[in-house]
PDB file of all heavy atoms in Angstrom:
ATOM      1  N   CYS A   1     115.571 104.594 113.424  1.00  0.00           N
ATOM      2  CA  CYS A   1     115.877 106.027 113.438  1.00  0.00           C
ATOM      3  C   CYS A   1     116.519 106.445 112.119  1.00  0.00           C
ATOM      4  O   CYS A   1     117.378 105.741 111.592  1.00  0.00           O
ATOM      5  CB  CYS A   1     116.842 106.349 114.585  1.00  0.00           C
ATOM      6  SG  CYS A   1     116.306 105.746 116.198  1.00  0.00           S
ATOM      7  N   GLY A   2     116.116 107.613 111.630  1.00  0.00           N
ATOM      8  CA  GLY A   2     116.726 108.159 110.426  1.00  0.00           C
ATOM      9  C   GLY A   2     115.719 108.962 109.634  1.00  0.00           C
ATOM     10  O   GLY A   2     114.506 108.764 109.749  1.00  0.00           O
ATOM     11  N   ARG A   3     116.239 109.888 108.824  1.00  0.00           N
ATOM     12  CA  ARG A   3     115.360 110.709 107.996  1.00  0.00           C
ATOM     13  C   ARG A   3     114.667 109.826 106.948  1.00  0.00           C
ATOM     14  O   ARG A   3     115.324 109.144 106.170  1.00  0.00           O
ATOM     15  CB  ARG A   3     116.145 111.828 107.317  1.00  0.00           C
ATOM     16  CG  ARG A   3     115.329 112.671 106.354  1.00  0.00           C
ATOM     17  CD  ARG A   3     114.104 113.347 107.023  1.00  0.00           C
ATOM     18  NE  ARG A   3     114.416 114.601 107.659  1.00  0.00           N
ATOM     19  CZ  ARG A   3     113.940 114.955 108.844  1.00  0.00           C
ATOM     20  NH1 ARG A   3     113.161 114.136 109.537  1.00  0.00           N
ATOM     21  NH2 ARG A   3     114.239 116.123 109.364  1.00  0.00           N
ATOM     22  N   GLY A   4     113.346 109.861 106.971  1.00  0.00           N
ATOM     23  CA  GLY A   4     112.551 109.053 106.055  1.00  0.00           C
ATOM     24  C   GLY A   4     112.019 107.777 106.665  1.00  0.00           C
ATOM     25  O   GLY A   4     111.251 107.056 106.016  1.00  0.00           O
ATOM     26  N   ALA A   5     112.382 107.480 107.909  1.00  0.00           N
ATOM     27  CA  ALA A   5     111.888 106.245 108.531  1.00  0.00           C
ATOM     28  C   ALA A   5     110.367 106.196 108.506  1.00  0.00           C
ATOM     29  O   ALA A   5     109.755 105.172 108.165  1.00  0.00           O
ATOM     30  CB  ALA A   5     112.406 106.144 109.969  1.00  0.00           C
ATOM     31  N   ALA A   6     109.738 107.321 108.858  1.00  0.00           N
ATOM     32  CA  ALA A   6     108.277 107.393 108.852  1.00  0.00           C
ATOM     33  C   ALA A   6     107.747 107.923 107.531  1.00  0.00           C
ATOM     34  O   ALA A   6     106.704 107.473 107.046  1.00  0.00           O
ATOM     35  CB  ALA A   6     107.798 108.278 110.009  1.00  0.00           C
ATOM     36  N   ASP A   7     108.453 108.876 106.943  1.00  0.00           N
ATOM     37  CA  ASP A   7     107.942 109.606 105.777  1.00  0.00           C
ATOM     38  C   ASP A   7     108.947 109.588 104.648  1.00  0.00           C
ATOM     39  O   ASP A   7     109.726 110.507 104.498  1.00  0.00           O
ATOM     40  CB  ASP A   7     107.611 111.044 106.194  1.00  0.00           C
ATOM     41  CG  ASP A   7     106.872 111.826 105.144  1.00  0.00           C
ATOM     42  OD1 ASP A   7     106.409 111.219 104.164  1.00  0.00           O
ATOM     43  OD2 ASP A   7     106.749 113.054 105.300  1.00  0.00           O
ATOM     44  N   MET A   8     108.910 108.582 103.751  1.00  0.00           N
ATOM     45  CA  MET A   8     108.098 107.396 103.885  1.00  0.00           C
ATOM     46  C   MET A   8     108.818 106.151 103.364  1.00  0.00           C
ATOM     47  O   MET A   8     108.266 105.332 102.664  1.00  0.00           O
ATOM     48  CB  MET A   8     106.751 107.573 103.177  1.00  0.00           C
ATOM     49  CG  MET A   8     106.862 107.915 101.700  1.00  0.00           C
ATOM     50  SD  MET A   8     105.269 107.813 100.841  1.00  0.00           S
ATOM     51  CE  MET A   8     105.104 106.041 100.707  1.00  0.00           C
ATOM     52  N   LYS A   9     110.106 106.052 103.727  1.00  0.00           N
ATOM     53  CA  LYS A   9     110.882 104.919 103.235  1.00  0.00           C
ATOM     54  C   LYS A   9     110.507 103.611 103.924  1.00  0.00           C
ATOM     55  O   LYS A   9     110.660 102.535 103.333  1.00  0.00           O
ATOM     56  CB  LYS A   9     112.375 105.212 103.367  1.00  0.00           C
ATOM     57  CG  LYS A   9     112.817 106.295 102.387  1.00  0.00           C
ATOM     58  CD  LYS A   9     114.283 106.634 102.481  1.00  0.00           C
ATOM     59  CE  LYS A   9     114.667 107.647 101.400  1.00  0.00           C
ATOM     60  NZ  LYS A   9     116.099 108.022 101.486  1.00  0.00           N
ATOM     61  N   GLY A  10     109.994 103.714 105.151  1.00  0.00           N
ATOM     62  CA  GLY A  10     109.496 102.517 105.805  1.00  0.00           C
ATOM     63  C   GLY A  10     108.345 101.904 105.029  1.00  0.00           C
ATOM     64  O   GLY A  10     108.296 100.684 104.800  1.00  0.00           O
ATOM     65  N   SER A  11     107.415 102.741 104.590  1.00  0.00           N
ATOM     66  CA  SER A  11     106.286 102.261 103.795  1.00  0.00           C
ATOM     67  C   SER A  11     106.756 101.677 102.461  1.00  0.00           C
ATOM     68  O   SER A  11     106.218 100.662 101.998  1.00  0.00           O
ATOM     69  CB  SER A  11     105.296 103.393 103.529  1.00  0.00           C
ATOM     70  OG  SER A  11     104.744 103.873 104.724  1.00  0.00           O
ATOM     71  N   LEU A  12     107.731 102.328 101.824  1.00  0.00           N
ATOM     72  CA  LEU A  12     108.248 101.819 100.553  1.00  0.00           C
ATOM     73  C   LEU A  12     108.791 100.407 100.717  1.00  0.00           C
ATOM     74  O   LEU A  12     108.565  99.535  99.865  1.00  0.00           O
ATOM     75  CB  LEU A  12     109.341 102.733 100.012  1.00  0.00           C
ATOM     76  CG  LEU A  12     108.939 104.158  99.631  1.00  0.00           C
ATOM     77  CD1 LEU A  12     110.159 104.933  99.123  1.00  0.00           C
ATOM     78  CD2 LEU A  12     107.841 104.171  98.585  1.00  0.00           C
ATOM     79  N   ALA A  13     109.507 100.173 101.805  1.00  0.00           N
ATOM     80  CA  ALA A  13     110.040  98.838 102.062  1.00  0.00           C
ATOM     81  C   ALA A  13     108.907  97.841 102.287  1.00  0.00           C
ATOM     82  O   ALA A  13     108.913  96.728 101.746  1.00  0.00           O
ATOM     83  CB  ALA A  13     110.966  98.875 103.269  1.00  0.00           C
ATOM     84  N   SER A  14     107.903  98.236 103.068  1.00  0.00           N
ATOM     85  CA  SER A  14     106.789  97.330 103.361  1.00  0.00           C
ATOM     86  C   SER A  14     106.010  96.966 102.108  1.00  0.00           C
ATOM     87  O   SER A  14     105.667  95.801 101.889  1.00  0.00           O
ATOM     88  CB  SER A  14     105.851  97.975 104.391  1.00  0.00           C
ATOM     89  OG  SER A  14     106.453  98.057 105.665  1.00  0.00           O
ATOM     90  N   MET A  15     105.727  97.951 101.266  1.00  0.00           N
ATOM     91  CA  MET A  15     104.934  97.651 100.071  1.00  0.00           C
ATOM     92  C   MET A  15     105.732  96.819  99.071  1.00  0.00           C
ATOM     93  O   MET A  15     105.179  95.948  98.389  1.00  0.00           O
ATOM     94  CB  MET A  15     104.396  98.937  99.432  1.00  0.00           C
ATOM     95  CG  MET A  15     105.416  99.930  98.967  1.00  0.00           C
ATOM     96  SD  MET A  15     104.715 101.454  98.212  1.00  0.00           S
ATOM     97  CE  MET A  15     103.866 102.222  99.568  1.00  0.00           C
ATOM     98  N   THR A  16     107.046  97.054  98.999  1.00  0.00           N
ATOM     99  CA  THR A  16     107.873  96.268  98.082  1.00  0.00           C
ATOM    100  C   THR A  16     107.915  94.809  98.508  1.00  0.00           C
ATOM    101  O   THR A  16     107.708  93.892  97.694  1.00  0.00           O
ATOM    102  CB  THR A  16     109.303  96.843  98.017  1.00  0.00           C
ATOM    103  OG1 THR A  16     109.242  98.200  97.569  1.00  0.00           O
ATOM    104  CG2 THR A  16     110.183  96.036  97.079  1.00  0.00           C
ATOM    105  N   VAL A  17     108.180  94.556  99.780  1.00  0.00           N
ATOM    106  CA  VAL A  17     108.264  93.180 100.273  1.00  0.00           C
ATOM    107  C   VAL A  17     106.901  92.493 100.198  1.00  0.00           C
ATOM    108  O   VAL A  17     106.803  91.314  99.830  1.00  0.00           O
ATOM    109  CB  VAL A  17     108.828  93.164 101.707  1.00  0.00           C
ATOM    110  CG1 VAL A  17     108.737  91.768 102.314  1.00  0.00           C
ATOM    111  CG2 VAL A  17     110.279  93.645 101.704  1.00  0.00           C
ATOM    112  N   ALA A  18     105.830  93.223 100.519  1.00  0.00           N
ATOM    113  CA  ALA A  18     104.492  92.640 100.424  1.00  0.00           C
ATOM    114  C   ALA A  18     104.179  92.235  98.990  1.00  0.00           C
ATOM    115  O   ALA A  18     103.620  91.150  98.744  1.00  0.00           O
ATOM    116  CB  ALA A  18     103.454  93.635 100.935  1.00  0.00           C
ATOM    117  N   ALA A  19     104.543  93.084  98.027  1.00  0.00           N
ATOM    118  CA  ALA A  19     104.281  92.773  96.621  1.00  0.00           C
ATOM    119  C   ALA A  19     105.132  91.600  96.145  1.00  0.00           C
ATOM    120  O   ALA A  19     104.653  90.738  95.391  1.00  0.00           O
ATOM    121  CB  ALA A  19     104.537  94.004  95.760  1.00  0.00           C
ATOM    122  N   GLU A  20     106.400  91.565  96.569  1.00  0.00           N
ATOM    123  CA  GLU A  20     107.255  90.426  96.219  1.00  0.00           C
ATOM    124  C   GLU A  20     106.636  89.120  96.696  1.00  0.00           C
ATOM    125  O   GLU A  20     106.567  88.133  95.949  1.00  0.00           O
ATOM    126  CB  GLU A  20     108.643  90.597  96.859  1.00  0.00           C
ATOM    127  CG  GLU A  20     109.517  91.674  96.242  1.00  0.00           C
ATOM    128  CD  GLU A  20     110.796  91.891  97.035  1.00  0.00           C
ATOM    129  OE1 GLU A  20     110.805  91.629  98.263  1.00  0.00           O
ATOM    130  OE2 GLU A  20     111.783  92.336  96.435  1.00  0.00           O
ATOM    131  N   ARG A  21     106.196  89.106  97.919  1.00  0.00           N
ATOM    132  CA  ARG A  21     105.594  87.892  98.485  1.00  0.00           C
ATOM    133  C   ARG A  21     104.314  87.530  97.759  1.00  0.00           C
ATOM    134  O   ARG A  21     104.043  86.354  97.463  1.00  0.00           O
ATOM    135  CB  ARG A  21     105.307  88.090  99.973  1.00  0.00           C
ATOM    136  CG  ARG A  21     106.533  88.086 100.863  1.00  0.00           C
ATOM    137  CD  ARG A  21     106.147  88.363 102.308  1.00  0.00           C
ATOM    138  NE  ARG A  21     105.097  87.477 102.772  1.00  0.00           N
ATOM    139  CZ  ARG A  21     104.287  87.737 103.808  1.00  0.00           C
ATOM    140  NH1 ARG A  21     104.406  88.883 104.448  1.00  0.00           N
ATOM    141  NH2 ARG A  21     103.378  86.877 104.172  1.00  0.00           N
ATOM    142  N   PHE A  22     103.503  88.539  97.467  1.00  0.00           N
ATOM    143  CA  PHE A  22     102.208  88.275  96.856  1.00  0.00           C
ATOM    144  C   PHE A  22     102.360  87.661  95.474  1.00  0.00           C
ATOM    145  O   PHE A  22     101.697  86.664  95.146  1.00  0.00           O
ATOM    146  CB  PHE A  22     101.389  89.557  96.779  1.00  0.00           C
ATOM    147  CG  PHE A  22     100.069  89.379  96.083  1.00  0.00           C
ATOM    148  CD1 PHE A  22      99.013  88.734  96.720  1.00  0.00           C
ATOM    149  CD2 PHE A  22      99.880  89.838  94.784  1.00  0.00           C
ATOM    150  CE1 PHE A  22      97.795  88.543  96.076  1.00  0.00           C
ATOM    151  CE2 PHE A  22      98.668  89.659  94.130  1.00  0.00           C
ATOM    152  CZ  PHE A  22      97.625  89.009  94.778  1.00  0.00           C
ATOM    153  N   VAL A  23     103.225  88.234  94.634  1.00  0.00           N
ATOM    154  CA  VAL A  23     103.339  87.701  93.270  1.00  0.00           C
ATOM    155  C   VAL A  23     104.048  86.348  93.269  1.00  0.00           C
ATOM    156  O   VAL A  23     103.861  85.554  92.332  1.00  0.00           O
ATOM    157  CB  VAL A  23     104.037  88.699  92.329  1.00  0.00           C
ATOM    158  CG1 VAL A  23     103.251  89.999  92.254  1.00  0.00           C
ATOM    159  CG2 VAL A  23     105.481  88.957  92.738  1.00  0.00           C
ATOM    160  N   ALA A  24     104.850  86.063  94.297  1.00  0.00           N
ATOM    161  CA  ALA A  24     105.443  84.732  94.423  1.00  0.00           C
ATOM    162  C   ALA A  24     104.396  83.714  94.865  1.00  0.00           C
ATOM    163  O   ALA A  24     104.358  82.581  94.371  1.00  0.00           O
ATOM    164  CB  ALA A  24     106.606  84.760  95.413  1.00  0.00           C
ATOM    165  N   ASP A  25     103.532  84.114  95.787  1.00  0.00           N
ATOM    166  CA  ASP A  25     102.506  83.208  96.308  1.00  0.00           C
ATOM    167  C   ASP A  25     101.332  83.049  95.345  1.00  0.00           C
ATOM    168  O   ASP A  25     100.703  81.988  95.297  1.00  0.00           O
ATOM    169  CB  ASP A  25     101.978  83.738  97.649  1.00  0.00           C
ATOM    170  CG  ASP A  25     102.994  83.642  98.772  1.00  0.00           C
ATOM    171  OD1 ASP A  25     104.026  82.974  98.574  1.00  0.00           O
ATOM    172  OD2 ASP A  25     102.760  84.237  99.840  1.00  0.00           O
ATOM    173  N   TYR A  26     101.016  84.107  94.608  1.00  0.00           N
ATOM    174  CA  TYR A  26      99.864  84.107  93.693  1.00  0.00           C
ATOM    175  C   TYR A  26     100.310  84.607  92.312  1.00  0.00           C
ATOM    176  O   TYR A  26      99.907  85.683  91.875  1.00  0.00           O
ATOM    177  CB  TYR A  26      98.738  84.987  94.240  1.00  0.00           C
ATOM    178  CG  TYR A  26      98.193  84.534  95.575  1.00  0.00           C
ATOM    179  CD1 TYR A  26      98.720  85.043  96.766  1.00  0.00           C
ATOM    180  CD2 TYR A  26      97.166  83.609  95.654  1.00  0.00           C
ATOM    181  CE1 TYR A  26      98.230  84.632  97.999  1.00  0.00           C
ATOM    182  CE2 TYR A  26      96.662  83.189  96.881  1.00  0.00           C
ATOM    183  CZ  TYR A  26      97.201  83.702  98.043  1.00  0.00           C
ATOM    184  OH  TYR A  26      96.707  83.291  99.260  1.00  0.00           O
ATOM    185  N   PRO A  27     101.141  83.826  91.614  1.00  0.00           N
ATOM    186  CA  PRO A  27     101.671  84.304  90.325  1.00  0.00           C
ATOM    187  C   PRO A  27     100.588  84.512  89.268  1.00  0.00           C
ATOM    188  O   PRO A  27     100.792  85.269  88.319  1.00  0.00           O
ATOM    189  CB  PRO A  27     102.648  83.196  89.915  1.00  0.00           C
ATOM    190  CG  PRO A  27     102.212  81.987  90.692  1.00  0.00           C
ATOM    191  CD  PRO A  27     101.667  82.496  91.979  1.00  0.00           C
ATOM    192  N   ASP A  28      99.447  83.860  89.449  1.00  0.00           N
ATOM    193  CA  ASP A  28      98.349  83.975  88.476  1.00  0.00           C
ATOM    194  C   ASP A  28      97.220  84.841  89.026  1.00  0.00           C
ATOM    195  O   ASP A  28      96.042  84.581  88.779  1.00  0.00           O
ATOM    196  CB  ASP A  28      97.834  82.575  88.119  1.00  0.00           C
ATOM    197  CG  ASP A  28      97.148  82.539  86.753  1.00  0.00           C
ATOM    198  OD1 ASP A  28      97.601  83.261  85.849  1.00  0.00           O
ATOM    199  OD2 ASP A  28      96.148  81.805  86.611  1.00  0.00           O
ATOM    200  N   HIS A  29      97.568  85.876  89.778  1.00  0.00           N
ATOM    201  CA  HIS A  29      96.574  86.712  90.442  1.00  0.00           C
ATOM    202  C   HIS A  29      95.691  87.442  89.442  1.00  0.00           C
ATOM    203  O   HIS A  29      96.026  87.598  88.253  1.00  0.00           O
ATOM    204  CB  HIS A  29      97.272  87.718  91.365  1.00  0.00           C
ATOM    205  CG  HIS A  29      98.211  88.644  90.653  1.00  0.00           C
ATOM    206  ND1 HIS A  29      97.794  89.757  89.962  1.00  0.00           N
ATOM    207  CD2 HIS A  29      99.569  88.616  90.517  1.00  0.00           C
ATOM    208  CE1 HIS A  29      98.836  90.380  89.438  1.00  0.00           C
ATOM    209  NE2 HIS A  29      99.923  89.715  89.759  1.00  0.00           N
ATOM    210  N   LYS A  30      94.579  87.953  89.927  1.00  0.00           N
ATOM    211  CA  LYS A  30      93.673  88.754  89.112  1.00  0.00           C
ATOM    212  C   LYS A  30      94.310  90.112  88.800  1.00  0.00           C
ATOM    213  O   LYS A  30      95.123  90.626  89.566  1.00  0.00           O
ATOM    214  CB  LYS A  30      92.358  88.998  89.866  1.00  0.00           C
ATOM    215  CG  LYS A  30      91.636  87.749  90.310  1.00  0.00           C
ATOM    216  CD  LYS A  30      90.444  88.127  91.183  1.00  0.00           C
ATOM    217  CE  LYS A  30      89.747  86.903  91.738  1.00  0.00           C
ATOM    218  NZ  LYS A  30      88.626  87.260  92.644  1.00  0.00           N
TER     219      LYS A  30
END
């Protein structure tokens, strides 16, 4: 609950963590 949970700080958190994981797992990505 909170202002921005849906629009769109939740998405910002998801994309940041996904990118962190991706560049750690695939540091030599395309």
